[in-house]
Amino acid sequence: RTREELLRVFEAEADAKRQKAQALIDSMVRLKKELARFKLSYDCL
């Protein structure tokens, strides 16, 4: 029972790490898109 509970804890930690990494990737992609749009507008001006 203890082994099974530890396995669940490890799986939950891994899921949390994956979610954090995905959130960071999403933020990075959003920033890159906005920066590219901003650069285009700025370069035109």
PDB file of all heavy atoms in Angstrom:
ATOM      1  N   ARG A   1       0.841  -1.205   0.000  1.00  0.00           N
ATOM      2  CA  ARG A   1       0.000   0.000   0.000  1.00  0.00           C
ATOM      3  C   ARG A   1       0.880   1.261   0.000  1.00  0.00           C
ATOM      4  O   ARG A   1       0.607   2.207  -0.729  1.00  0.00           O
ATOM      5  CB  ARG A   1      -0.917  -0.007   1.222  1.00  0.00           C
ATOM      6  CG  ARG A   1      -2.045   0.977   1.117  1.00  0.00           C
ATOM      7  CD  ARG A   1      -3.055   0.856   2.234  1.00  0.00           C
ATOM      8  NE  ARG A   1      -3.110  -0.489   2.768  1.00  0.00           N
ATOM      9  CZ  ARG A   1      -3.418  -0.797   4.021  1.00  0.00           C
ATOM     10  NH1 ARG A   1      -3.709   0.150   4.876  1.00  0.00           N
ATOM     11  NH2 ARG A   1      -3.452  -2.044   4.436  1.00  0.00           N
ATOM     12  N   THR A   2       1.927   1.246   0.787  1.00  0.00           N
ATOM     13  CA  THR A   2       2.849   2.384   0.844  1.00  0.00           C
ATOM     14  C   THR A   2       3.537   2.583  -0.502  1.00  0.00           C
ATOM     15  O   THR A   2       3.668   3.709  -0.988  1.00  0.00           O
ATOM     16  CB  THR A   2       3.905   2.167   1.946  1.00  0.00           C
ATOM     17  OG1 THR A   2       3.246   1.981   3.197  1.00  0.00           O
ATOM     18  CG2 THR A   2       4.852   3.343   2.047  1.00  0.00           C
ATOM     19  N   ARG A   3       3.944   1.493  -1.126  1.00  0.00           N
ATOM     20  CA  ARG A   3       4.592   1.566  -2.438  1.00  0.00           C
ATOM     21  C   ARG A   3       3.638   2.165  -3.475  1.00  0.00           C
ATOM     22  O   ARG A   3       4.014   3.019  -4.277  1.00  0.00           O
ATOM     23  CB  ARG A   3       5.060   0.185  -2.878  1.00  0.00           C
ATOM     24  CG  ARG A   3       5.927   0.186  -4.130  1.00  0.00           C
ATOM     25  CD  ARG A   3       6.240  -1.216  -4.606  1.00  0.00           C
ATOM     26  NE  ARG A   3       5.094  -1.920  -5.105  1.00  0.00           N
ATOM     27  CZ  ARG A   3       4.531  -1.706  -6.304  1.00  0.00           C
ATOM     28  NH1 ARG A   3       5.016  -0.798  -7.110  1.00  0.00           N
ATOM     29  NH2 ARG A   3       3.476  -2.398  -6.697  1.00  0.00           N
ATOM     30  N   GLU A   4       2.378   1.726  -3.447  1.00  0.00           N
ATOM     31  CA  GLU A   4       1.388   2.251  -4.394  1.00  0.00           C
ATOM     32  C   GLU A   4       1.143   3.742  -4.173  1.00  0.00           C
ATOM     33  O   GLU A   4       1.032   4.509  -5.129  1.00  0.00           O
ATOM     34  CB  GLU A   4       0.079   1.481  -4.265  1.00  0.00           C
ATOM     35  CG  GLU A   4       0.147   0.058  -4.787  1.00  0.00           C
ATOM     36  CD  GLU A   4      -1.089  -0.761  -4.459  1.00  0.00           C
ATOM     37  OE1 GLU A   4      -2.010  -0.226  -3.794  1.00  0.00           O
ATOM     38  OE2 GLU A   4      -1.131  -1.936  -4.857  1.00  0.00           O
ATOM     39  N   GLU A   5       1.079   4.153  -2.911  1.00  0.00           N
ATOM     40  CA  GLU A   5       0.869   5.571  -2.605  1.00  0.00           C
ATOM     41  C   GLU A   5       2.061   6.405  -3.049  1.00  0.00           C
ATOM     42  O   GLU A   5       1.887   7.504  -3.584  1.00  0.00           O
ATOM     43  CB  GLU A   5       0.602   5.765  -1.106  1.00  0.00           C
ATOM     44  CG  GLU A   5      -0.721   5.206  -0.641  1.00  0.00           C
ATOM     45  CD  GLU A   5      -1.913   5.852  -1.329  1.00  0.00           C
ATOM     46  OE1 GLU A   5      -1.884   7.074  -1.575  1.00  0.00           O
ATOM     47  OE2 GLU A   5      -2.869   5.124  -1.629  1.00  0.00           O
ATOM     48  N   LEU A   6       3.262   5.906  -2.844  1.00  0.00           N
ATOM     49  CA  LEU A   6       4.455   6.625  -3.302  1.00  0.00           C
ATOM     50  C   LEU A   6       4.464   6.755  -4.824  1.00  0.00           C
ATOM     51  O   LEU A   6       4.830   7.798  -5.363  1.00  0.00           O
ATOM     52  CB  LEU A   6       5.724   5.908  -2.842  1.00  0.00           C
ATOM     53  CG  LEU A   6       6.178   6.205  -1.426  1.00  0.00           C
ATOM     54  CD1 LEU A   6       7.357   5.311  -1.037  1.00  0.00           C
ATOM     55  CD2 LEU A   6       6.579   7.657  -1.272  1.00  0.00           C
ATOM     56  N   LEU A   7       4.049   5.708  -5.499  1.00  0.00           N
ATOM     57  CA  LEU A   7       3.972   5.750  -6.953  1.00  0.00           C
ATOM     58  C   LEU A   7       2.987   6.832  -7.401  1.00  0.00           C
ATOM     59  O   LEU A   7       3.271   7.600  -8.330  1.00  0.00           O
ATOM     60  CB  LEU A   7       3.552   4.385  -7.501  1.00  0.00           C
ATOM     61  CG  LEU A   7       3.540   4.221  -9.004  1.00  0.00           C
ATOM     62  CD1 LEU A   7       4.923   4.481  -9.582  1.00  0.00           C
ATOM     63  CD2 LEU A   7       3.082   2.819  -9.371  1.00  0.00           C
ATOM     64  N   ARG A   8       1.852   6.935  -6.720  1.00  0.00           N
ATOM     65  CA  ARG A   8       0.876   7.980  -7.045  1.00  0.00           C
ATOM     66  C   ARG A   8       1.462   9.374  -6.809  1.00  0.00           C
ATOM     67  O   ARG A   8       1.228  10.294  -7.592  1.00  0.00           O
ATOM     68  CB  ARG A   8      -0.392   7.803  -6.213  1.00  0.00           C
ATOM     69  CG  ARG A   8      -1.260   6.672  -6.698  1.00  0.00           C
ATOM     70  CD  ARG A   8      -2.628   6.694  -6.029  1.00  0.00           C
ATOM     71  NE  ARG A   8      -3.223   5.381  -6.168  1.00  0.00           N
ATOM     72  CZ  ARG A   8      -3.527   4.569  -5.164  1.00  0.00           C
ATOM     73  NH1 ARG A   8      -3.330   4.951  -3.921  1.00  0.00           N
ATOM     74  NH2 ARG A   8      -4.056   3.392  -5.393  1.00  0.00           N
ATOM     75  N   VAL A   9       2.205   9.521  -5.721  1.00  0.00           N
ATOM     76  CA  VAL A   9       2.831  10.812  -5.426  1.00  0.00           C
ATOM     77  C   VAL A   9       3.838  11.167  -6.519  1.00  0.00           C
ATOM     78  O   VAL A   9       3.856  12.300  -7.014  1.00  0.00           O
ATOM     79  CB  VAL A   9       3.515  10.792  -4.038  1.00  0.00           C
ATOM     80  CG1 VAL A   9       4.420  12.006  -3.850  1.00  0.00           C
ATOM     81  CG2 VAL A   9       2.484  10.722  -2.930  1.00  0.00           C
ATOM     82  N   PHE A  10       4.669  10.209  -6.920  1.00  0.00           N
ATOM     83  CA  PHE A  10       5.654  10.463  -7.973  1.00  0.00           C
ATOM     84  C   PHE A  10       4.972  10.819  -9.290  1.00  0.00           C
ATOM     85  O   PHE A  10       5.423  11.703 -10.021  1.00  0.00           O
ATOM     86  CB  PHE A  10       6.578   9.265  -8.160  1.00  0.00           C
ATOM     87  CG  PHE A  10       7.482   8.999  -6.993  1.00  0.00           C
ATOM     88  CD1 PHE A  10       7.864   7.706  -6.685  1.00  0.00           C
ATOM     89  CD2 PHE A  10       7.952  10.027  -6.180  1.00  0.00           C
ATOM     90  CE1 PHE A  10       8.698   7.442  -5.608  1.00  0.00           C
ATOM     91  CE2 PHE A  10       8.784   9.782  -5.109  1.00  0.00           C
ATOM     92  CZ  PHE A  10       9.163   8.480  -4.810  1.00  0.00           C
ATOM     93  N   GLU A  11       3.869  10.135  -9.615  1.00  0.00           N
ATOM     94  CA  GLU A  11       3.135  10.445 -10.836  1.00  0.00           C
ATOM     95  C   GLU A  11       2.537  11.847 -10.778  1.00  0.00           C
ATOM     96  O   GLU A  11       2.570  12.591 -11.763  1.00  0.00           O
ATOM     97  CB  GLU A  11       2.038   9.411 -11.065  1.00  0.00           C
ATOM     98  CG  GLU A  11       2.555   8.052 -11.488  1.00  0.00           C
ATOM     99  CD  GLU A  11       1.469   6.980 -11.542  1.00  0.00           C
ATOM    100  OE1 GLU A  11       0.330   7.246 -11.102  1.00  0.00           O
ATOM    101  OE2 GLU A  11       1.767   5.874 -12.010  1.00  0.00           O
ATOM    102  N   ALA A  12       2.016  12.218  -9.619  1.00  0.00           N
ATOM    103  CA  ALA A  12       1.446  13.559  -9.459  1.00  0.00           C
ATOM    104  C   ALA A  12       2.529  14.626  -9.600  1.00  0.00           C
ATOM    105  O   ALA A  12       2.313  15.671 -10.232  1.00  0.00           O
ATOM    106  CB  ALA A  12       0.749  13.683  -8.107  1.00  0.00           C
ATOM    107  N   GLU A  13       3.697  14.381  -9.024  1.00  0.00           N
ATOM    108  CA  GLU A  13       4.813  15.330  -9.159  1.00  0.00           C
ATOM    109  C   GLU A  13       5.243  15.463 -10.611  1.00  0.00           C
ATOM    110  O   GLU A  13       5.514  16.567 -11.082  1.00  0.00           O
ATOM    111  CB  GLU A  13       5.992  14.897  -8.296  1.00  0.00           C
ATOM    112  CG  GLU A  13       5.784  15.104  -6.815  1.00  0.00           C
ATOM    113  CD  GLU A  13       6.938  14.565  -5.972  1.00  0.00           C
ATOM    114  OE1 GLU A  13       7.817  13.848  -6.513  1.00  0.00           O
ATOM    115  OE2 GLU A  13       6.951  14.865  -4.773  1.00  0.00           O
ATOM    116  N   ALA A  14       5.303  14.345 -11.311  1.00  0.00           N
ATOM    117  CA  ALA A  14       5.689  14.387 -12.727  1.00  0.00           C
ATOM    118  C   ALA A  14       4.657  15.158 -13.543  1.00  0.00           C
ATOM    119  O   ALA A  14       5.021  15.961 -14.416  1.00  0.00           O
ATOM    120  CB  ALA A  14       5.856  12.965 -13.266  1.00  0.00           C
ATOM    121  N   ASP A  15       3.379  14.943 -13.256  1.00  0.00           N
ATOM    122  CA  ASP A  15       2.329  15.687 -13.953  1.00  0.00           C
ATOM    123  C   ASP A  15       2.437  17.180 -13.685  1.00  0.00           C
ATOM    124  O   ASP A  15       2.284  17.997 -14.594  1.00  0.00           O
ATOM    125  CB  ASP A  15       0.941  15.193 -13.533  1.00  0.00           C
ATOM    126  CG  ASP A  15       0.591  13.842 -14.145  1.00  0.00           C
ATOM    127  OD1 ASP A  15       1.240  13.450 -15.140  1.00  0.00           O
ATOM    128  OD2 ASP A  15      -0.338  13.191 -13.625  1.00  0.00           O
ATOM    129  N   ALA A  16       2.705  17.530 -12.442  1.00  0.00           N
ATOM    130  CA  ALA A  16       2.841  18.946 -12.085  1.00  0.00           C
ATOM    131  C   ALA A  16       4.021  19.574 -12.828  1.00  0.00           C
ATOM    132  O   ALA A  16       3.913  20.696 -13.337  1.00  0.00           O
ATOM    133  CB  ALA A  16       3.016  19.095 -10.580  1.00  0.00           C
ATOM    134  N   LYS A  17       5.134  18.853 -12.915  1.00  0.00           N
ATOM    135  CA  LYS A  17       6.296  19.371 -13.639  1.00  0.00           C
ATOM    136  C   LYS A  17       5.978  19.550 -15.120  1.00  0.00           C
ATOM    137  O   LYS A  17       6.380  20.537 -15.736  1.00  0.00           O
ATOM    138  CB  LYS A  17       7.493  18.437 -13.468  1.00  0.00           C
ATOM    139  CG  LYS A  17       8.115  18.514 -12.097  1.00  0.00           C
ATOM    140  CD  LYS A  17       9.287  17.562 -11.970  1.00  0.00           C
ATOM    141  CE  LYS A  17       9.886  17.617 -10.579  1.00  0.00           C
ATOM    142  NZ  LYS A  17      11.013  16.685 -10.435  1.00  0.00           N
ATOM    143  N   ARG A  18       5.259  18.576 -15.692  1.00  0.00           N
ATOM    144  CA  ARG A  18       4.882  18.693 -17.105  1.00  0.00           C
ATOM    145  C   ARG A  18       3.971  19.901 -17.327  1.00  0.00           C
ATOM    146  O   ARG A  18       4.121  20.632 -18.307  1.00  0.00           O
ATOM    147  CB  ARG A  18       4.194  17.424 -17.582  1.00  0.00           C
ATOM    148  CG  ARG A  18       5.138  16.315 -17.978  1.00  0.00           C
ATOM    149  CD  ARG A  18       4.405  15.191 -18.698  1.00  0.00           C
ATOM    150  NE  ARG A  18       3.512  14.450 -17.834  1.00  0.00           N
ATOM    151  CZ  ARG A  18       3.859  13.433 -17.060  1.00  0.00           C
ATOM    152  NH1 ARG A  18       5.115  13.036 -17.038  1.00  0.00           N
ATOM    153  NH2 ARG A  18       2.981  12.807 -16.312  1.00  0.00           N
ATOM    154  N   GLN A  19       3.031  20.106 -16.428  1.00  0.00           N
ATOM    155  CA  GLN A  19       2.115  21.243 -16.558  1.00  0.00           C
ATOM    156  C   GLN A  19       2.860  22.570 -16.441  1.00  0.00           C
ATOM    157  O   GLN A  19       2.581  23.509 -17.194  1.00  0.00           O
ATOM    158  CB  GLN A  19       1.010  21.151 -15.511  1.00  0.00           C
ATOM    159  CG  GLN A  19       0.025  20.041 -15.781  1.00  0.00           C
ATOM    160  CD  GLN A  19      -0.974  19.848 -14.648  1.00  0.00           C
ATOM    161  OE1 GLN A  19      -0.889  20.496 -13.611  1.00  0.00           O
ATOM    162  NE2 GLN A  19      -1.927  18.953 -14.851  1.00  0.00           N
ATOM    163  N   LYS A  20       3.818  22.650 -15.516  1.00  0.00           N
ATOM    164  CA  LYS A  20       4.604  23.876 -15.372  1.00  0.00           C
ATOM    165  C   LYS A  20       5.423  24.131 -16.630  1.00  0.00           C
ATOM    166  O   LYS A  20       5.498  25.263 -17.116  1.00  0.00           O
ATOM    167  CB  LYS A  20       5.531  23.790 -14.166  1.00  0.00           C
ATOM    168  CG  LYS A  20       4.829  23.959 -12.851  1.00  0.00           C
ATOM    169  CD  LYS A  20       5.820  23.874 -11.703  1.00  0.00           C
ATOM    170  CE  LYS A  20       5.136  23.973 -10.365  1.00  0.00           C
ATOM    171  NZ  LYS A  20       6.090  23.858  -9.243  1.00  0.00           N
ATOM    172  N   ALA A  21       6.037  23.078 -17.150  1.00  0.00           N
ATOM    173  CA  ALA A  21       6.844  23.227 -18.368  1.00  0.00           C
ATOM    174  C   ALA A  21       5.959  23.668 -19.537  1.00  0.00           C
ATOM    175  O   ALA A  21       6.353  24.545 -20.320  1.00  0.00           O
ATOM    176  CB  ALA A  21       7.559  21.921 -18.701  1.00  0.00           C
ATOM    177  N   GLN A  22       4.770  23.092 -19.632  1.00  0.00           N
ATOM    178  CA  GLN A  22       3.857  23.470 -20.717  1.00  0.00           C
ATOM    179  C   GLN A  22       3.414  24.917 -20.577  1.00  0.00           C
ATOM    180  O   GLN A  22       3.323  25.652 -21.567  1.00  0.00           O
ATOM    181  CB  GLN A  22       2.636  22.542 -20.750  1.00  0.00           C
ATOM    182  CG  GLN A  22       1.756  22.754 -21.967  1.00  0.00           C
ATOM    183  CD  GLN A  22       2.486  22.517 -23.264  1.00  0.00           C
ATOM    184  OE1 GLN A  22       3.152  21.511 -23.444  1.00  0.00           O
ATOM    185  NE2 GLN A  22       2.377  23.454 -24.192  1.00  0.00           N
ATOM    186  N   ALA A  23       3.164  25.357 -19.351  1.00  0.00           N
ATOM    187  CA  ALA A  23       2.775  26.748 -19.124  1.00  0.00           C
ATOM    188  C   ALA A  23       3.916  27.688 -19.524  1.00  0.00           C
ATOM    189  O   ALA A  23       3.676  28.742 -20.123  1.00  0.00           O
ATOM    190  CB  ALA A  23       2.396  26.958 -17.669  1.00  0.00           C
ATOM    191  N   LEU A  24       5.147  27.309 -19.200  1.00  0.00           N
ATOM    192  CA  LEU A  24       6.300  28.131 -19.598  1.00  0.00           C
ATOM    193  C   LEU A  24       6.443  28.182 -21.115  1.00  0.00           C
ATOM    194  O   LEU A  24       6.712  29.236 -21.695  1.00  0.00           O
ATOM    195  CB  LEU A  24       7.578  27.601 -18.955  1.00  0.00           C
ATOM    196  CG  LEU A  24       7.709  27.829 -17.452  1.00  0.00           C
ATOM    197  CD1 LEU A  24       8.924  27.073 -16.909  1.00  0.00           C
ATOM    198  CD2 LEU A  24       7.842  29.309 -17.143  1.00  0.00           C
ATOM    199  N   ILE A  25       6.244  27.041 -21.762  1.00  0.00           N
ATOM    200  CA  ILE A  25       6.328  26.999 -23.227  1.00  0.00           C
ATOM    201  C   ILE A  25       5.251  27.878 -23.841  1.00  0.00           C
ATOM    202  O   ILE A  25       5.513  28.645 -24.774  1.00  0.00           O
ATOM    203  CB  ILE A  25       6.210  25.539 -23.735  1.00  0.00           C
ATOM    204  CG1 ILE A  25       7.469  24.757 -23.361  1.00  0.00           C
ATOM    205  CG2 ILE A  25       5.980  25.506 -25.235  1.00  0.00           C
ATOM    206  CD1 ILE A  25       7.341  23.260 -23.561  1.00  0.00           C
ATOM    207  N   ASP A  26       4.015  27.790 -23.304  1.00  0.00           N
ATOM    208  CA  ASP A  26       2.923  28.619 -23.815  1.00  0.00           C
ATOM    209  C   ASP A  26       3.240  30.106 -23.658  1.00  0.00           C
ATOM    210  O   ASP A  26       2.986  30.905 -24.565  1.00  0.00           O
ATOM    211  CB  ASP A  26       1.613  28.282 -23.103  1.00  0.00           C
ATOM    212  CG  ASP A  26       1.105  26.885 -23.433  1.00  0.00           C
ATOM    213  OD1 ASP A  26       1.581  26.291 -24.424  1.00  0.00           O
ATOM    214  OD2 ASP A  26       0.230  26.395 -22.688  1.00  0.00           O
ATOM    215  N   SER A  27       3.793  30.476 -22.509  1.00  0.00           N
ATOM    216  CA  SER A  27       4.164  31.877 -22.275  1.00  0.00           C
ATOM    217  C   SER A  27       5.228  32.328 -23.265  1.00  0.00           C
ATOM    218  O   SER A  27       5.156  33.432 -23.811  1.00  0.00           O
ATOM    219  CB  SER A  27       4.694  32.054 -20.857  1.00  0.00           C
ATOM    220  OG  SER A  27       3.716  31.779 -19.914  1.00  0.00           O
ATOM    221  N   MET A  28       6.199  31.467 -23.484  1.00  0.00           N
ATOM    222  CA  MET A  28       7.287  31.793 -24.400  1.00  0.00           C
ATOM    223  C   MET A  28       6.744  31.974 -25.828  1.00  0.00           C
ATOM    224  O   MET A  28       7.106  32.932 -26.518  1.00  0.00           O
ATOM    225  CB  MET A  28       8.322  30.665 -24.361  1.00  0.00           C
ATOM    226  CG  MET A  28       9.681  31.051 -24.795  1.00  0.00           C
ATOM    227  SD  MET A  28      10.928  29.811 -24.402  1.00  0.00           S
ATOM    228  CE  MET A  28      10.200  28.304 -24.956  1.00  0.00           C
ATOM    229  N   VAL A  29       5.874  31.097 -26.244  1.00  0.00           N
ATOM    230  CA  VAL A  29       5.304  31.180 -27.595  1.00  0.00           C
ATOM    231  C   VAL A  29       4.481  32.457 -27.748  1.00  0.00           C
ATOM    232  O   VAL A  29       4.586  33.167 -28.757  1.00  0.00           O
ATOM    233  CB  VAL A  29       4.448  29.927 -27.898  1.00  0.00           C
ATOM    234  CG1 VAL A  29       3.604  30.112 -29.134  1.00  0.00           C
ATOM    235  CG2 VAL A  29       5.338  28.711 -28.039  1.00  0.00           C
ATOM    236  N   ARG A  30       3.670  32.762 -26.728  1.00  0.00           N
ATOM    237  CA  ARG A  30       2.854  33.969 -26.768  1.00  0.00           C
ATOM    238  C   ARG A  30       3.739  35.224 -26.870  1.00  0.00           C
ATOM    239  O   ARG A  30       3.472  36.127 -27.681  1.00  0.00           O
ATOM    240  CB  ARG A  30       1.985  34.039 -25.510  1.00  0.00           C
ATOM    241  CG  ARG A  30       0.528  34.166 -25.782  1.00  0.00           C
ATOM    242  CD  ARG A  30      -0.363  34.304 -24.570  1.00  0.00           C
ATOM    243  NE  ARG A  30       0.176  33.978 -23.264  1.00  0.00           N
ATOM    244  CZ  ARG A  30       0.108  32.785 -22.678  1.00  0.00           C
ATOM    245  NH1 ARG A  30      -0.477  31.785 -23.299  1.00  0.00           N
ATOM    246  NH2 ARG A  30       0.601  32.579 -21.480  1.00  0.00           N
ATOM    247  N   LEU A  31       4.782  35.252 -26.053  1.00  0.00           N
ATOM    248  CA  LEU A  31       5.702  36.403 -26.095  1.00  0.00           C
ATOM    249  C   LEU A  31       6.384  36.524 -27.455  1.00  0.00           C
ATOM    250  O   LEU A  31       6.525  37.628 -27.992  1.00  0.00           O
ATOM    251  CB  LEU A  31       6.764  36.258 -25.010  1.00  0.00           C
ATOM    252  CG  LEU A  31       6.476  36.898 -23.673  1.00  0.00           C
ATOM    253  CD1 LEU A  31       7.569  36.544 -22.668  1.00  0.00           C
ATOM    254  CD2 LEU A  31       6.347  38.392 -23.786  1.00  0.00           C
ATOM    255  N   LYS A  32       6.811  35.396 -28.007  1.00  0.00           N
ATOM    256  CA  LYS A  32       7.481  35.435 -29.312  1.00  0.00           C
ATOM    257  C   LYS A  32       6.545  35.952 -30.399  1.00  0.00           C
ATOM    258  O   LYS A  32       6.945  36.753 -31.256  1.00  0.00           O
ATOM    259  CB  LYS A  32       7.994  34.041 -29.690  1.00  0.00           C
ATOM    260  CG  LYS A  32       9.262  33.656 -28.967  1.00  0.00           C
ATOM    261  CD  LYS A  32       9.748  32.287 -29.424  1.00  0.00           C
ATOM    262  CE  LYS A  32      11.044  31.901 -28.735  1.00  0.00           C
ATOM    263  NZ  LYS A  32      11.543  30.596 -29.197  1.00  0.00           N
ATOM    264  N   LYS A  33       5.282  35.503 -30.377  1.00  0.00           N
ATOM    265  CA  LYS A  33       4.311  35.964 -31.378  1.00  0.00           C
ATOM    266  C   LYS A  33       4.068  37.461 -31.251  1.00  0.00           C
ATOM    267  O   LYS A  33       4.076  38.195 -32.247  1.00  0.00           O
ATOM    268  CB  LYS A  33       2.982  35.222 -31.216  1.00  0.00           C
ATOM    269  CG  LYS A  33       2.983  33.816 -31.736  1.00  0.00           C
ATOM    270  CD  LYS A  33       1.608  33.185 -31.546  1.00  0.00           C
ATOM    271  CE  LYS A  33       1.572  31.750 -31.996  1.00  0.00           C
ATOM    272  NZ  LYS A  33       0.253  31.141 -31.770  1.00  0.00           N
ATOM    273  N   GLU A  34       3.840  37.909 -30.017  1.00  0.00           N
ATOM    274  CA  GLU A  34       3.590  39.336 -29.804  1.00  0.00           C
ATOM    275  C   GLU A  34       4.805  40.173 -30.186  1.00  0.00           C
ATOM    276  O   GLU A  34       4.663  41.241 -30.776  1.00  0.00           O
ATOM    277  CB  GLU A  34       3.209  39.590 -28.336  1.00  0.00           C
ATOM    278  CG  GLU A  34       1.844  39.075 -27.959  1.00  0.00           C
ATOM    279  CD  GLU A  34       0.724  39.707 -28.779  1.00  0.00           C
ATOM    280  OE1 GLU A  34       0.758  40.922 -29.028  1.00  0.00           O
ATOM    281  OE2 GLU A  34      -0.184  38.960 -29.185  1.00  0.00           O
ATOM    282  N   LEU A  35       5.979  39.684 -29.857  1.00  0.00           N
ATOM    283  CA  LEU A  35       7.202  40.407 -30.207  1.00  0.00           C
ATOM    284  C   LEU A  35       7.366  40.484 -31.720  1.00  0.00           C
ATOM    285  O   LEU A  35       7.746  41.533 -32.257  1.00  0.00           O
ATOM    286  CB  LEU A  35       8.424  39.748 -29.565  1.00  0.00           C
ATOM    287  CG  LEU A  35       9.748  40.457 -29.791  1.00  0.00           C
ATOM    288  CD1 LEU A  35       9.707  41.865 -29.188  1.00  0.00           C
ATOM    289  CD2 LEU A  35      10.889  39.653 -29.201  1.00  0.00           C
ATOM    290  N   ALA A  36       7.076  39.403 -32.422  1.00  0.00           N
ATOM    291  CA  ALA A  36       7.198  39.412 -33.883  1.00  0.00           C
ATOM    292  C   ALA A  36       6.221  40.421 -34.488  1.00  0.00           C
ATOM    293  O   ALA A  36       6.596  41.199 -35.397  1.00  0.00           O
ATOM    294  CB  ALA A  36       6.937  38.016 -34.438  1.00  0.00           C
ATOM    295  N   ARG A  37       4.987  40.444 -33.997  1.00  0.00           N
ATOM    296  CA  ARG A  37       4.004  41.424 -34.492  1.00  0.00           C
ATOM    297  C   ARG A  37       4.473  42.859 -34.202  1.00  0.00           C
ATOM    298  O   ARG A  37       4.368  43.750 -35.051  1.00  0.00           O
ATOM    299  CB  ARG A  37       2.647  41.188 -33.829  1.00  0.00           C
ATOM    300  CG  ARG A  37       1.903  40.025 -34.385  1.00  0.00           C
ATOM    301  CD  ARG A  37       0.463  40.009 -33.843  1.00  0.00           C
ATOM    302  NE  ARG A  37      -0.003  38.648 -33.855  1.00  0.00           N
ATOM    303  CZ  ARG A  37      -0.525  38.001 -32.833  1.00  0.00           C
ATOM    304  NH1 ARG A  37      -0.697  38.608 -31.681  1.00  0.00           N
ATOM    305  NH2 ARG A  37      -0.920  36.762 -32.950  1.00  0.00           N
ATOM    306  N   PHE A  38       4.957  43.045 -32.976  1.00  0.00           N
ATOM    307  CA  PHE A  38       5.413  44.377 -32.585  1.00  0.00           C
ATOM    308  C   PHE A  38       6.583  44.820 -33.449  1.00  0.00           C
ATOM    309  O   PHE A  38       6.635  45.972 -33.901  1.00  0.00           O
ATOM    310  CB  PHE A  38       5.806  44.367 -31.101  1.00  0.00           C
ATOM    311  CG  PHE A  38       6.234  45.704 -30.590  1.00  0.00           C
ATOM    312  CD1 PHE A  38       5.285  46.659 -30.254  1.00  0.00           C
ATOM    313  CD2 PHE A  38       7.578  46.010 -30.454  1.00  0.00           C
ATOM    314  CE1 PHE A  38       5.676  47.903 -29.780  1.00  0.00           C
ATOM    315  CE2 PHE A  38       7.977  47.247 -29.984  1.00  0.00           C
ATOM    316  CZ  PHE A  38       7.018  48.201 -29.646  1.00  0.00           C
ATOM    317  N   LYS A  39       7.521  43.915 -33.694  1.00  0.00           N
ATOM    318  CA  LYS A  39       8.687  44.256 -34.523  1.00  0.00           C
ATOM    319  C   LYS A  39       8.267  44.648 -35.943  1.00  0.00           C
ATOM    320  O   LYS A  39       8.807  45.592 -36.520  1.00  0.00           O
ATOM    321  CB  LYS A  39       9.664  43.079 -34.589  1.00  0.00           C
ATOM    322  CG  LYS A  39      10.573  42.965 -33.411  1.00  0.00           C
ATOM    323  CD  LYS A  39      11.532  41.798 -33.644  1.00  0.00           C
ATOM    324  CE  LYS A  39      12.548  41.653 -32.551  1.00  0.00           C
ATOM    325  NZ  LYS A  39      13.463  40.526 -32.810  1.00  0.00           N
ATOM    326  N   LEU A  40       7.292  43.903 -36.495  1.00  0.00           N
ATOM    327  CA  LEU A  40       6.820  44.239 -37.842  1.00  0.00           C
ATOM    328  C   LEU A  40       6.235  45.644 -37.878  1.00  0.00           C
ATOM    329  O   LEU A  40       6.546  46.444 -38.773  1.00  0.00           O
ATOM    330  CB  LEU A  40       5.770  43.223 -38.305  1.00  0.00           C
ATOM    331  CG  LEU A  40       6.281  41.863 -38.750  1.00  0.00           C
ATOM    332  CD1 LEU A  40       5.115  40.925 -39.041  1.00  0.00           C
ATOM    333  CD2 LEU A  40       7.149  42.019 -39.989  1.00  0.00           C
ATOM    334  N   SER A  41       5.395  45.940 -36.914  1.00  0.00           N
ATOM    335  CA  SER A  41       4.785  47.273 -36.861  1.00  0.00           C
ATOM    336  C   SER A  41       5.851  48.346 -36.656  1.00  0.00           C
ATOM    337  O   SER A  41       5.845  49.393 -37.325  1.00  0.00           O
ATOM    338  CB  SER A  41       3.770  47.354 -35.720  1.00  0.00           C
ATOM    339  OG  SER A  41       2.742  46.431 -35.917  1.00  0.00           O
ATOM    340  N   TYR A  42       6.754  48.085 -35.749  1.00  0.00           N
ATOM    341  CA  TYR A  42       7.814  49.059 -35.450  1.00  0.00           C
ATOM    342  C   TYR A  42       8.714  49.271 -36.661  1.00  0.00           C
ATOM    343  O   TYR A  42       9.066  50.407 -36.981  1.00  0.00           O
ATOM    344  CB  TYR A  42       8.617  48.603 -34.236  1.00  0.00           C
ATOM    345  CG  TYR A  42       9.798  49.481 -33.925  1.00  0.00           C
ATOM    346  CD1 TYR A  42       9.618  50.810 -33.581  1.00  0.00           C
ATOM    347  CD2 TYR A  42      11.090  48.983 -33.989  1.00  0.00           C
ATOM    348  CE1 TYR A  42      10.701  51.628 -33.297  1.00  0.00           C
ATOM    349  CE2 TYR A  42      12.177  49.794 -33.707  1.00  0.00           C
ATOM    350  CZ  TYR A  42      11.980  51.115 -33.365  1.00  0.00           C
ATOM    351  OH  TYR A  42      13.048  51.915 -33.093  1.00  0.00           O
ATOM    352  N   ASP A  43       9.078  48.205 -37.339  1.00  0.00           N
ATOM    353  CA  ASP A  43       9.940  48.338 -38.520  1.00  0.00           C
ATOM    354  C   ASP A  43       9.250  49.152 -39.616  1.00  0.00           C
ATOM    355  O   ASP A  43       9.896  49.970 -40.280  1.00  0.00           O
ATOM    356  CB  ASP A  43      10.342  46.961 -39.049  1.00  0.00           C
ATOM    357  CG  ASP A  43      11.368  46.273 -38.163  1.00  0.00           C
ATOM    358  OD1 ASP A  43      12.024  46.969 -37.356  1.00  0.00           O
ATOM    359  OD2 ASP A  43      11.514  45.033 -38.274  1.00  0.00           O
ATOM    360  N   CYS A  44       7.951  48.936 -39.801  1.00  0.00           N
ATOM    361  CA  CYS A  44       7.208  49.725 -40.798  1.00  0.00           C
ATOM    362  C   CYS A  44       7.219  51.208 -40.434  1.00  0.00           C
ATOM    363  O   CYS A  44       7.459  52.074 -41.294  1.00  0.00           O
ATOM    364  CB  CYS A  44       5.764  49.239 -40.900  1.00  0.00           C
ATOM    365  SG  CYS A  44       5.588  47.663 -41.731  1.00  0.00           S
ATOM    366  N   LEU A  45       6.958  51.497 -39.162  1.00  0.00           N
ATOM    367  CA  LEU A  45       6.976  52.903 -38.727  1.00  0.00           C
ATOM    368  C   LEU A  45       8.366  53.500 -38.830  1.00  0.00           C
ATOM    369  O   LEU A  45       8.534  54.662 -39.233  1.00  0.00           O
ATOM    370  CB  LEU A  45       6.470  53.016 -37.289  1.00  0.00           C
ATOM    371  CG  LEU A  45       4.982  52.772 -37.071  1.00  0.00           C
ATOM    372  CD1 LEU A  45       4.656  52.740 -35.595  1.00  0.00           C
ATOM    373  CD2 LEU A  45       4.172  53.863 -37.780  1.00  0.00           C
TER     374      LEU A  45
END
